[in-house]
Amino acid sequence: MPGTDFPIGSPHASDINLKFANTDKNPDYILNMDQSPGRLATARHMSELWAGFAHTGRPMAAGVPRWPAYTLTDRATMWLDARCRIVNDPDRSERLFWENQA
């Protein structure tokens, strides 16, 4: 994006290793990425949430809070991390800015 100094460029598909919990399978990836317990826990959570969704139609994982259905009132969003949490209406000010650009 012009005007930024993001070193990795576009992050498209950067979550694929996390979805399949295979953060330690690629030697080049290991050399360049942190393999901390937190990163591995995040990968486990993401992988289990996807598998739970595929199996039951609801994203669920051990040790992760129940992900409520999204509504325009709460805008509940799962913050995926080593300790997952529900965040209501994240980046609200940005959303409101773009909603008012009509």
PDB file of N, CA and C in Angstrom:
ATOM      1  N   MET A   1       0.846  -1.167   0.000  1.00  0.00           N
ATOM      2  CA  MET A   1       0.000   0.000   0.000  1.00  0.00           C
ATOM      3  C   MET A   1       0.896   1.235   0.000  1.00  0.00           C
ATOM      4  N   PRO A   2       0.657   2.153  -0.900  1.00  0.00           N
ATOM      5  CA  PRO A   2       1.479   3.365  -0.958  1.00  0.00           C
ATOM      6  C   PRO A   2       1.450   4.113   0.364  1.00  0.00           C
ATOM      7  N   GLY A   3       2.595   4.605   0.749  1.00  0.00           N
ATOM      8  CA  GLY A   3       2.684   5.387   1.975  1.00  0.00           C
ATOM      9  C   GLY A   3       2.901   4.584   3.239  1.00  0.00           C
ATOM     10  N   THR A   4       3.069   3.263   3.105  1.00  0.00           N
ATOM     11  CA  THR A   4       3.332   2.441   4.294  1.00  0.00           C
ATOM     12  C   THR A   4       4.731   1.857   4.205  1.00  0.00           C
ATOM     13  N   ASP A   5       5.184   1.320   5.314  1.00  0.00           N
ATOM     14  CA  ASP A   5       6.483   0.656   5.321  1.00  0.00           C
ATOM     15  C   ASP A   5       6.339  -0.805   5.751  1.00  0.00           C
ATOM     16  N   PHE A   6       5.212  -1.428   5.379  1.00  0.00           N
ATOM     17  CA  PHE A   6       4.988  -2.820   5.733  1.00  0.00           C
ATOM     18  C   PHE A   6       6.008  -3.698   5.022  1.00  0.00           C
ATOM     19  N   PRO A   7       6.848  -4.423   5.772  1.00  0.00           N
ATOM     20  CA  PRO A   7       7.927  -5.187   5.142  1.00  0.00           C
ATOM     21  C   PRO A   7       7.468  -6.460   4.427  1.00  0.00           C
ATOM     22  N   ILE A   8       6.296  -7.008   4.767  1.00  0.00           N
ATOM     23  CA  ILE A   8       5.916  -8.285   4.166  1.00  0.00           C
ATOM     24  C   ILE A   8       4.960  -8.140   2.996  1.00  0.00           C
ATOM     25  N   GLY A   9       4.566  -6.936   2.661  1.00  0.00           N
ATOM     26  CA  GLY A   9       3.611  -6.777   1.578  1.00  0.00           C
ATOM     27  C   GLY A   9       2.229  -7.249   2.010  1.00  0.00           C
ATOM     28  N   SER A  10       1.473  -7.767   1.078  1.00  0.00           N
ATOM     29  CA  SER A  10       0.119  -8.216   1.375  1.00  0.00           C
ATOM     30  C   SER A  10       0.133  -9.479   2.227  1.00  0.00           C
ATOM     31  N   PRO A  11      -0.704  -9.520   3.265  1.00  0.00           N
ATOM     32  CA  PRO A  11      -0.735 -10.711   4.122  1.00  0.00           C
ATOM     33  C   PRO A  11      -1.683 -11.800   3.628  1.00  0.00           C
ATOM     34  N   HIS A  12      -2.183 -11.693   2.372  1.00  0.00           N
ATOM     35  CA  HIS A  12      -3.111 -12.698   1.870  1.00  0.00           C
ATOM     36  C   HIS A  12      -2.519 -14.096   2.051  1.00  0.00           C
ATOM     37  N   ALA A  13      -3.315 -15.003   2.586  1.00  0.00           N
ATOM     38  CA  ALA A  13      -2.978 -16.415   2.788  1.00  0.00           C
ATOM     39  C   ALA A  13      -1.930 -16.642   3.877  1.00  0.00           C
ATOM     40  N   SER A  14      -1.585 -15.605   4.639  1.00  0.00           N
ATOM     41  CA  SER A  14      -0.597 -15.793   5.700  1.00  0.00           C
ATOM     42  C   SER A  14      -1.146 -16.630   6.854  1.00  0.00           C
ATOM     43  N   ASP A  15      -2.448 -16.866   6.853  1.00  0.00           N
ATOM     44  CA  ASP A  15      -3.063 -17.650   7.924  1.00  0.00           C
ATOM     45  C   ASP A  15      -3.165 -19.139   7.598  1.00  0.00           C
ATOM     46  N   ILE A  16      -2.756 -19.552   6.423  1.00  0.00           N
ATOM     47  CA  ILE A  16      -2.958 -20.956   6.022  1.00  0.00           C
ATOM     48  C   ILE A  16      -2.207 -21.918   6.951  1.00  0.00           C
ATOM     49  N   ASN A  17      -0.964 -21.635   7.273  1.00  0.00           N
ATOM     50  CA  ASN A  17      -0.236 -22.528   8.189  1.00  0.00           C
ATOM     51  C   ASN A  17      -0.938 -22.609   9.533  1.00  0.00           C
ATOM     52  N   LEU A  18      -1.502 -21.498   9.999  1.00  0.00           N
ATOM     53  CA  LEU A  18      -2.218 -21.524  11.275  1.00  0.00           C
ATOM     54  C   LEU A  18      -3.485 -22.362  11.172  1.00  0.00           C
ATOM     55  N   LYS A  19      -4.219 -22.243  10.073  1.00  0.00           N
ATOM     56  CA  LYS A  19      -5.460 -23.009   9.920  1.00  0.00           C
ATOM     57  C   LYS A  19      -5.223 -24.505   9.994  1.00  0.00           C
ATOM     58  N   PHE A  20      -4.079 -24.944   9.485  1.00  0.00           N
ATOM     59  CA  PHE A  20      -3.789 -26.374   9.482  1.00  0.00           C
ATOM     60  C   PHE A  20      -2.829 -26.774  10.598  1.00  0.00           C
ATOM     61  N   ALA A  21      -2.559 -25.833  11.515  1.00  0.00           N
ATOM     62  CA  ALA A  21      -1.686 -26.071  12.676  1.00  0.00           C
ATOM     63  C   ALA A  21      -0.374 -26.724  12.268  1.00  0.00           C
ATOM     64  N   ASN A  22       0.197 -26.285  11.158  1.00  0.00           N
ATOM     65  CA  ASN A  22       1.470 -26.853  10.703  1.00  0.00           C
ATOM     66  C   ASN A  22       2.563 -25.797  10.675  1.00  0.00           C
ATOM     67  N   THR A  23       2.633 -24.998  11.723  1.00  0.00           N
ATOM     68  CA  THR A  23       3.621 -23.927  11.767  1.00  0.00           C
ATOM     69  C   THR A  23       5.045 -24.455  11.856  1.00  0.00           C
ATOM     70  N   ASP A  24       5.211 -25.736  12.176  1.00  0.00           N
ATOM     71  CA  ASP A  24       6.571 -26.285  12.331  1.00  0.00           C
ATOM     72  C   ASP A  24       6.962 -27.246  11.220  1.00  0.00           C
ATOM     73  N   LYS A  25       6.212 -27.298  10.113  1.00  0.00           N
ATOM     74  CA  LYS A  25       6.472 -28.298   9.068  1.00  0.00           C
ATOM     75  C   LYS A  25       7.448 -27.836   7.994  1.00  0.00           C
ATOM     76  N   ASN A  26       7.574 -26.542   7.769  1.00  0.00           N
ATOM     77  CA  ASN A  26       8.407 -26.030   6.696  1.00  0.00           C
ATOM     78  C   ASN A  26       9.713 -25.470   7.272  1.00  0.00           C
ATOM     79  N   PRO A  27      10.874 -26.079   6.961  1.00  0.00           N
ATOM     80  CA  PRO A  27      12.142 -25.607   7.542  1.00  0.00           C
ATOM     81  C   PRO A  27      12.432 -24.140   7.285  1.00  0.00           C
ATOM     82  N   ASP A  28      12.113 -23.637   6.085  1.00  0.00           N
ATOM     83  CA  ASP A  28      12.341 -22.217   5.808  1.00  0.00           C
ATOM     84  C   ASP A  28      11.446 -21.355   6.684  1.00  0.00           C
ATOM     85  N   TYR A  29      10.241 -21.814   6.900  1.00  0.00           N
ATOM     86  CA  TYR A  29       9.290 -21.090   7.731  1.00  0.00           C
ATOM     87  C   TYR A  29       9.793 -21.033   9.173  1.00  0.00           C
ATOM     88  N   ILE A  30      10.316 -22.159   9.673  1.00  0.00           N
ATOM     89  CA  ILE A  30      10.822 -22.214  11.044  1.00  0.00           C
ATOM     90  C   ILE A  30      11.945 -21.216  11.247  1.00  0.00           C
ATOM     91  N   LEU A  31      12.847 -21.104  10.276  1.00  0.00           N
ATOM     92  CA  LEU A  31      13.975 -20.190  10.405  1.00  0.00           C
ATOM     93  C   LEU A  31      13.525 -18.739  10.468  1.00  0.00           C
ATOM     94  N   ASN A  32      12.404 -18.443   9.821  1.00  0.00           N
ATOM     95  CA  ASN A  32      11.971 -17.054   9.711  1.00  0.00           C
ATOM     96  C   ASN A  32      10.850 -16.677  10.674  1.00  0.00           C
ATOM     97  N   MET A  33      10.273 -17.630  11.380  1.00  0.00           N
ATOM     98  CA  MET A  33       9.130 -17.318  12.222  1.00  0.00           C
ATOM     99  C   MET A  33       9.344 -17.803  13.651  1.00  0.00           C
ATOM    100  N   ASP A  34       8.710 -17.123  14.540  1.00  0.00           N
ATOM    101  CA  ASP A  34       8.728 -17.447  15.958  1.00  0.00           C
ATOM    102  C   ASP A  34       7.929 -18.734  16.203  1.00  0.00           C
ATOM    103  N   GLN A  35       8.525 -19.701  16.883  1.00  0.00           N
ATOM    104  CA  GLN A  35       7.827 -20.945  17.214  1.00  0.00           C
ATOM    105  C   GLN A  35       7.527 -20.990  18.715  1.00  0.00           C
ATOM    106  N   SER A  36       7.176 -19.857  19.261  1.00  0.00           N
ATOM    107  CA  SER A  36       6.895 -19.755  20.686  1.00  0.00           C
ATOM    108  C   SER A  36       5.647 -20.556  21.047  1.00  0.00           C
ATOM    109  N   PRO A  37       5.498 -20.887  22.327  1.00  0.00           N
ATOM    110  CA  PRO A  37       4.272 -21.573  22.752  1.00  0.00           C
ATOM    111  C   PRO A  37       3.015 -20.778  22.400  1.00  0.00           C
ATOM    112  N   GLY A  38       3.096 -19.459  22.453  1.00  0.00           N
ATOM    113  CA  GLY A  38       1.935 -18.639  22.100  1.00  0.00           C
ATOM    114  C   GLY A  38       1.545 -18.790  20.645  1.00  0.00           C
ATOM    115  N   ARG A  39       2.529 -18.822  19.754  1.00  0.00           N
ATOM    116  CA  ARG A  39       2.247 -18.994  18.323  1.00  0.00           C
ATOM    117  C   ARG A  39       1.644 -20.367  18.065  1.00  0.00           C
ATOM    118  N   LEU A  40       2.191 -21.377  18.711  1.00  0.00           N
ATOM    119  CA  LEU A  40       1.666 -22.734  18.528  1.00  0.00           C
ATOM    120  C   LEU A  40       0.252 -22.858  19.088  1.00  0.00           C
ATOM    121  N   ALA A  41      -0.029 -22.189  20.221  1.00  0.00           N
ATOM    122  CA  ALA A  41      -1.384 -22.205  20.788  1.00  0.00           C
ATOM    123  C   ALA A  41      -2.359 -21.503  19.843  1.00  0.00           C
ATOM    124  N   THR A  42      -1.932 -20.395  19.247  1.00  0.00           N
ATOM    125  CA  THR A  42      -2.784 -19.680  18.297  1.00  0.00           C
ATOM    126  C   THR A  42      -3.110 -20.578  17.106  1.00  0.00           C
ATOM    127  N   ALA A  43      -2.116 -21.281  16.600  1.00  0.00           N
ATOM    128  CA  ALA A  43      -2.331 -22.202  15.483  1.00  0.00           C
ATOM    129  C   ALA A  43      -3.305 -23.313  15.874  1.00  0.00           C
ATOM    130  N   ARG A  44      -3.143 -23.860  17.071  1.00  0.00           N
ATOM    131  CA  ARG A  44      -4.046 -24.922  17.532  1.00  0.00           C
ATOM    132  C   ARG A  44      -5.481 -24.397  17.623  1.00  0.00           C
ATOM    133  N   HIS A  45      -5.643 -23.196  18.181  1.00  0.00           N
ATOM    134  CA  HIS A  45      -6.985 -22.620  18.299  1.00  0.00           C
ATOM    135  C   HIS A  45      -7.622 -22.419  16.925  1.00  0.00           C
ATOM    136  N   MET A  46      -6.866 -21.827  16.005  1.00  0.00           N
ATOM    137  CA  MET A  46      -7.433 -21.562  14.682  1.00  0.00           C
ATOM    138  C   MET A  46      -7.810 -22.870  13.984  1.00  0.00           C
ATOM    139  N   SER A  47      -6.928 -23.854  14.056  1.00  0.00           N
ATOM    140  CA  SER A  47      -7.188 -25.134  13.417  1.00  0.00           C
ATOM    141  C   SER A  47      -8.422 -25.809  14.016  1.00  0.00           C
ATOM    142  N   GLU A  48      -8.526 -25.812  15.336  1.00  0.00           N
ATOM    143  CA  GLU A  48      -9.675 -26.443  15.991  1.00  0.00           C
ATOM    144  C   GLU A  48     -10.968 -25.682  15.701  1.00  0.00           C
ATOM    145  N   LEU A  49     -10.899 -24.351  15.648  1.00  0.00           N
ATOM    146  CA  LEU A  49     -12.101 -23.575  15.331  1.00  0.00           C
ATOM    147  C   LEU A  49     -12.610 -23.907  13.928  1.00  0.00           C
ATOM    148  N   TRP A  50     -11.704 -23.994  12.961  1.00  0.00           N
ATOM    149  CA  TRP A  50     -12.101 -24.359  11.590  1.00  0.00           C
ATOM    150  C   TRP A  50     -12.670 -25.775  11.555  1.00  0.00           C
ATOM    151  N   ALA A  51     -12.012 -26.706  12.230  1.00  0.00           N
ATOM    152  CA  ALA A  51     -12.491 -28.096  12.235  1.00  0.00           C
ATOM    153  C   ALA A  51     -13.847 -28.199  12.930  1.00  0.00           C
ATOM    154  N   GLY A  52     -14.013 -27.489  14.036  1.00  0.00           N
ATOM    155  CA  GLY A  52     -15.295 -27.485  14.734  1.00  0.00           C
ATOM    156  C   GLY A  52     -16.402 -26.933  13.852  1.00  0.00           C
ATOM    157  N   PHE A  53     -16.090 -25.874  13.112  1.00  0.00           N
ATOM    158  CA  PHE A  53     -17.076 -25.286  12.204  1.00  0.00           C
ATOM    159  C   PHE A  53     -17.437 -26.266  11.090  1.00  0.00           C
ATOM    160  N   ALA A  54     -16.432 -26.926  10.533  1.00  0.00           N
ATOM    161  CA  ALA A  54     -16.687 -27.889   9.451  1.00  0.00           C
ATOM    162  C   ALA A  54     -17.530 -29.059   9.952  1.00  0.00           C
ATOM    163  N   HIS A  55     -17.290 -29.470  11.186  1.00  0.00           N
ATOM    164  CA  HIS A  55     -17.978 -30.642  11.732  1.00  0.00           C
ATOM    165  C   HIS A  55     -19.394 -30.327  12.219  1.00  0.00           C
ATOM    166  N   THR A  56     -19.583 -29.165  12.861  1.00  0.00           N
ATOM    167  CA  THR A  56     -20.864 -28.889  13.511  1.00  0.00           C
ATOM    168  C   THR A  56     -21.595 -27.664  12.974  1.00  0.00           C
ATOM    169  N   GLY A  57     -20.916 -26.855  12.170  1.00  0.00           N
ATOM    170  CA  GLY A  57     -21.521 -25.612  11.712  1.00  0.00           C
ATOM    171  C   GLY A  57     -21.304 -24.466  12.687  1.00  0.00           C
ATOM    172  N   ARG A  58     -20.613 -24.732  13.792  1.00  0.00           N
ATOM    173  CA  ARG A  58     -20.277 -23.698  14.784  1.00  0.00           C
ATOM    174  C   ARG A  58     -18.789 -23.771  15.071  1.00  0.00           C
ATOM    175  N   PRO A  59     -18.082 -22.654  15.001  1.00  0.00           N
ATOM    176  CA  PRO A  59     -16.657 -22.687  15.346  1.00  0.00           C
ATOM    177  C   PRO A  59     -16.497 -22.928  16.843  1.00  0.00           C
ATOM    178  N   MET A  60     -15.754 -23.976  17.201  1.00  0.00           N
ATOM    179  CA  MET A  60     -15.529 -24.288  18.612  1.00  0.00           C
ATOM    180  C   MET A  60     -14.169 -24.955  18.766  1.00  0.00           C
ATOM    181  N   ALA A  61     -13.549 -24.697  19.908  1.00  0.00           N
ATOM    182  CA  ALA A  61     -12.236 -25.276  20.203  1.00  0.00           C
ATOM    183  C   ALA A  61     -12.060 -25.336  21.714  1.00  0.00           C
ATOM    184  N   ALA A  62     -11.274 -26.296  22.155  1.00  0.00           N
ATOM    185  CA  ALA A  62     -10.990 -26.448  23.581  1.00  0.00           C
ATOM    186  C   ALA A  62     -10.285 -25.202  24.105  1.00  0.00           C
ATOM    187  N   GLY A  63     -10.758 -24.689  25.239  1.00  0.00           N
ATOM    188  CA  GLY A  63     -10.119 -23.544  25.863  1.00  0.00           C
ATOM    189  C   GLY A  63     -10.392 -22.212  25.205  1.00  0.00           C
ATOM    190  N   VAL A  64     -11.341 -22.182  24.265  1.00  0.00           N
ATOM    191  CA  VAL A  64     -11.673 -20.951  23.543  1.00  0.00           C
ATOM    192  C   VAL A  64     -13.109 -20.573  23.908  1.00  0.00           C
ATOM    193  N   PRO A  65     -13.362 -19.276  24.166  1.00  0.00           N
ATOM    194  CA  PRO A  65     -14.737 -18.893  24.516  1.00  0.00           C
ATOM    195  C   PRO A  65     -15.720 -19.194  23.389  1.00  0.00           C
ATOM    196  N   ARG A  66     -16.985 -19.399  23.772  1.00  0.00           N
ATOM    197  CA  ARG A  66     -18.019 -19.635  22.778  1.00  0.00           C
ATOM    198  C   ARG A  66     -18.146 -18.393  21.901  1.00  0.00           C
ATOM    199  N   TRP A  67     -18.151 -18.608  20.604  1.00  0.00           N
ATOM    200  CA  TRP A  67     -18.206 -17.515  19.634  1.00  0.00           C
ATOM    201  C   TRP A  67     -19.665 -17.229  19.319  1.00  0.00           C
ATOM    202  N   PRO A  68     -20.213 -16.135  19.831  1.00  0.00           N
ATOM    203  CA  PRO A  68     -21.630 -15.859  19.571  1.00  0.00           C
ATOM    204  C   PRO A  68     -21.866 -15.482  18.114  1.00  0.00           C
ATOM    205  N   ALA A  69     -23.082 -15.677  17.680  1.00  0.00           N
ATOM    206  CA  ALA A  69     -23.456 -15.285  16.322  1.00  0.00           C
ATOM    207  C   ALA A  69     -23.282 -13.783  16.171  1.00  0.00           C
ATOM    208  N   TYR A  70     -22.865 -13.372  15.000  1.00  0.00           N
ATOM    209  CA  TYR A  70     -22.668 -11.948  14.706  1.00  0.00           C
ATOM    210  C   TYR A  70     -24.017 -11.265  14.557  1.00  0.00           C
ATOM    211  N   THR A  71     -24.171 -10.137  15.205  1.00  0.00           N
ATOM    212  CA  THR A  71     -25.357  -9.299  15.027  1.00  0.00           C
ATOM    213  C   THR A  71     -24.890  -7.861  14.805  1.00  0.00           C
ATOM    214  N   LEU A  72     -25.728  -7.052  14.199  1.00  0.00           N
ATOM    215  CA  LEU A  72     -25.383  -5.649  13.991  1.00  0.00           C
ATOM    216  C   LEU A  72     -25.361  -4.869  15.304  1.00  0.00           C
ATOM    217  N   THR A  73     -25.962  -5.416  16.346  1.00  0.00           N
ATOM    218  CA  THR A  73     -25.949  -4.760  17.653  1.00  0.00           C
ATOM    219  C   THR A  73     -24.608  -4.962  18.345  1.00  0.00           C
ATOM    220  N   ASP A  74     -24.160  -6.214  18.459  1.00  0.00           N
ATOM    221  CA  ASP A  74     -22.929  -6.518  19.198  1.00  0.00           C
ATOM    222  C   ASP A  74     -21.687  -6.581  18.314  1.00  0.00           C
ATOM    223  N   ARG A  75     -21.835  -7.089  17.082  1.00  0.00           N
ATOM    224  CA  ARG A  75     -20.706  -7.257  16.166  1.00  0.00           C
ATOM    225  C   ARG A  75     -19.590  -8.093  16.809  1.00  0.00           C
ATOM    226  N   ALA A  76     -19.991  -9.182  17.478  1.00  0.00           N
ATOM    227  CA  ALA A  76     -19.041 -10.043  18.184  1.00  0.00           C
ATOM    228  C   ALA A  76     -18.034 -10.648  17.222  1.00  0.00           C
ATOM    229  N   THR A  77     -16.762 -10.470  17.538  1.00  0.00           N
ATOM    230  CA  THR A  77     -15.660 -10.935  16.710  1.00  0.00           C
ATOM    231  C   THR A  77     -14.691 -11.715  17.587  1.00  0.00           C
ATOM    232  N   MET A  78     -14.226 -12.858  17.092  1.00  0.00           N
ATOM    233  CA  MET A  78     -13.246 -13.640  17.850  1.00  0.00           C
ATOM    234  C   MET A  78     -11.866 -13.059  17.613  1.00  0.00           C
ATOM    235  N   TRP A  79     -11.186 -12.725  18.689  1.00  0.00           N
ATOM    236  CA  TRP A  79      -9.798 -12.274  18.629  1.00  0.00           C
ATOM    237  C   TRP A  79      -8.952 -13.522  18.772  1.00  0.00           C
ATOM    238  N   LEU A  80      -8.403 -14.004  17.660  1.00  0.00           N
ATOM    239  CA  LEU A  80      -7.619 -15.239  17.658  1.00  0.00           C
ATOM    240  C   LEU A  80      -6.206 -14.966  18.132  1.00  0.00           C
ATOM    241  N   ASP A  81      -5.807 -15.669  19.182  1.00  0.00           N
ATOM    242  CA  ASP A  81      -4.494 -15.471  19.770  1.00  0.00           C
ATOM    243  C   ASP A  81      -4.203 -16.662  20.671  1.00  0.00           C
ATOM    244  N   ALA A  82      -3.104 -16.599  21.411  1.00  0.00           N
ATOM    245  CA  ALA A  82      -2.792 -17.663  22.365  1.00  0.00           C
ATOM    246  C   ALA A  82      -3.896 -17.759  23.414  1.00  0.00           C
ATOM    247  N   ARG A  83      -4.480 -16.622  23.767  1.00  0.00           N
ATOM    248  CA  ARG A  83      -5.675 -16.563  24.619  1.00  0.00           C
ATOM    249  C   ARG A  83      -6.749 -15.857  23.815  1.00  0.00           C
ATOM    250  N   CYS A  84      -7.648 -16.629  23.245  1.00  0.00           N
ATOM    251  CA  CYS A  84      -8.709 -16.064  22.415  1.00  0.00           C
ATOM    252  C   CYS A  84      -9.718 -15.328  23.290  1.00  0.00           C
ATOM    253  N   ARG A  85     -10.346 -14.302  22.707  1.00  0.00           N
ATOM    254  CA  ARG A  85     -11.384 -13.583  23.425  1.00  0.00           C
ATOM    255  C   ARG A  85     -12.373 -12.998  22.412  1.00  0.00           C
ATOM    256  N   ILE A  86     -13.552 -12.683  22.904  1.00  0.00           N
ATOM    257  CA  ILE A  86     -14.574 -12.056  22.072  1.00  0.00           C
ATOM    258  C   ILE A  86     -14.440 -10.539  22.223  1.00  0.00           C
ATOM    259  N   VAL A  87     -14.402  -9.850  21.106  1.00  0.00           N
ATOM    260  CA  VAL A  87     -14.330  -8.390  21.088  1.00  0.00           C
ATOM    261  C   VAL A  87     -15.559  -7.892  20.335  1.00  0.00           C
ATOM    262  N   ASN A  88     -16.331  -7.047  20.981  1.00  0.00           N
ATOM    263  CA  ASN A  88     -17.509  -6.486  20.325  1.00  0.00           C
ATOM    264  C   ASN A  88     -17.138  -5.229  19.560  1.00  0.00           C
ATOM    265  N   ASP A  89     -17.511  -5.212  18.305  1.00  0.00           N
ATOM    266  CA  ASP A  89     -17.334  -4.067  17.415  1.00  0.00           C
ATOM    267  C   ASP A  89     -15.892  -3.546  17.393  1.00  0.00           C
ATOM    268  N   PRO A  90     -14.937  -4.420  17.026  1.00  0.00           N
ATOM    269  CA  PRO A  90     -13.554  -3.955  16.961  1.00  0.00           C
ATOM    270  C   PRO A  90     -13.392  -2.882  15.874  1.00  0.00           C
ATOM    271  N   ASP A  91     -12.495  -1.980  16.089  1.00  0.00           N
ATOM    272  CA  ASP A  91     -12.225  -0.898  15.126  1.00  0.00           C
ATOM    273  C   ASP A  91     -13.490  -0.116  14.793  1.00  0.00           C
ATOM    274  N   ARG A  92     -14.299   0.130  15.802  1.00  0.00           N
ATOM    275  CA  ARG A  92     -15.583   0.822  15.627  1.00  0.00           C
ATOM    276  C   ARG A  92     -15.416   2.163  14.921  1.00  0.00           C
ATOM    277  N   SER A  93     -14.416   2.944  15.339  1.00  0.00           N
ATOM    278  CA  SER A  93     -14.261   4.276  14.752  1.00  0.00           C
ATOM    279  C   SER A  93     -13.967   4.192  13.249  1.00  0.00           C
ATOM    280  N   GLU A  94     -13.170   3.212  12.828  1.00  0.00           N
ATOM    281  CA  GLU A  94     -12.907   3.032  11.394  1.00  0.00           C
ATOM    282  C   GLU A  94     -14.174   2.625  10.653  1.00  0.00           C
ATOM    283  N   ARG A  95     -14.932   1.696  11.238  1.00  0.00           N
ATOM    284  CA  ARG A  95     -16.177   1.258  10.609  1.00  0.00           C
ATOM    285  C   ARG A  95     -17.126   2.433  10.435  1.00  0.00           C
ATOM    286  N   LEU A  96     -17.275   3.237  11.470  1.00  0.00           N
ATOM    287  CA  LEU A  96     -18.174   4.385  11.385  1.00  0.00           C
ATOM    288  C   LEU A  96     -17.694   5.401  10.349  1.00  0.00           C
ATOM    289  N   PHE A  97     -16.402   5.581  10.260  1.00  0.00           N
ATOM    290  CA  PHE A  97     -15.854   6.484   9.239  1.00  0.00           C
ATOM    291  C   PHE A  97     -16.290   6.025   7.854  1.00  0.00           C
ATOM    292  N   TRP A  98     -16.068   4.727   7.536  1.00  0.00           N
ATOM    293  CA  TRP A  98     -16.389   4.225   6.206  1.00  0.00           C
ATOM    294  C   TRP A  98     -17.901   4.189   5.956  1.00  0.00           C
ATOM    295  N   GLU A  99     -18.683   3.939   6.985  1.00  0.00           N
ATOM    296  CA  GLU A  99     -20.142   3.966   6.824  1.00  0.00           C
ATOM    297  C   GLU A  99     -20.637   5.355   6.458  1.00  0.00           C
ATOM    298  N   ASN A 100     -19.927   6.374   6.915  1.00  0.00           N
ATOM    299  CA  ASN A 100     -20.341   7.760   6.658  1.00  0.00           C
ATOM    300  C   ASN A 100     -19.752   8.342   5.389  1.00  0.00           C
ATOM    301  N   GLN A 101     -19.110   7.528   4.559  1.00  0.00           N
ATOM    302  CA  GLN A 101     -18.497   8.008   3.328  1.00  0.00           C
ATOM    303  C   GLN A 101     -19.401   7.828   2.110  1.00  0.00           C
ATOM    304  N   ALA A 102     -20.658   7.576   2.319  1.00  0.00           N
ATOM    305  CA  ALA A 102     -21.591   7.326   1.215  1.00  0.00           C
ATOM    306  C   ALA A 102     -21.847   8.497   0.380  1.00  0.00           C
TER     307      ALA A 102
END
